[in-house]
Amino acid sequence: MTENEIGKIVVDCAFQVHTRLGPGLLESVYEVALAYELRKRGLAVERQVPIPVVYDGILFDEGFRADLIVAGLVIIELKSVEAVHPVHKKQLLTYLKLADKRLGYLINFGAELIKDGLSRVSNGAADWKTG
């Protein structure tokens, strides 16, 4: 399965979770619900995955934790905030680079409509696609 095929499933599952739970709950609630929906679709999902960082030749075991990694290919960064800021997309792009992944999704479950809370971020692409 390709990153783009996984991405379509991620978007659909995010819609399902947002429709059932609505906006404004804690991020951790959406994390478990989205992981559950993705697993129901047959995808492998890891939660709170530590990603090491090499700095100045030193390996730090935990540079950050990815909220979800789907099928070992796609990073999902979850938020439950009133508004996503440009720094959140930059953060996800850095995560993709450090984890050597090509595709990620920033999903803000705090948005009134989930379509307004979805951002697709590509590592190596000149631009980001939203929606």
Foldseek 3Di string as FASTA:
>chain_A
DDPVVLVVQLLVLLQVLCVVPNADDDQVVSLVSSCVSSVVVVKDKDAQQFQWDADPNDIDRGPGTFGMDINVAETEAEARDCDDDPVVLVVVLVVCVSSVHFKYWYFHSNDRHRLRRIWIHGHPDPDTDGD
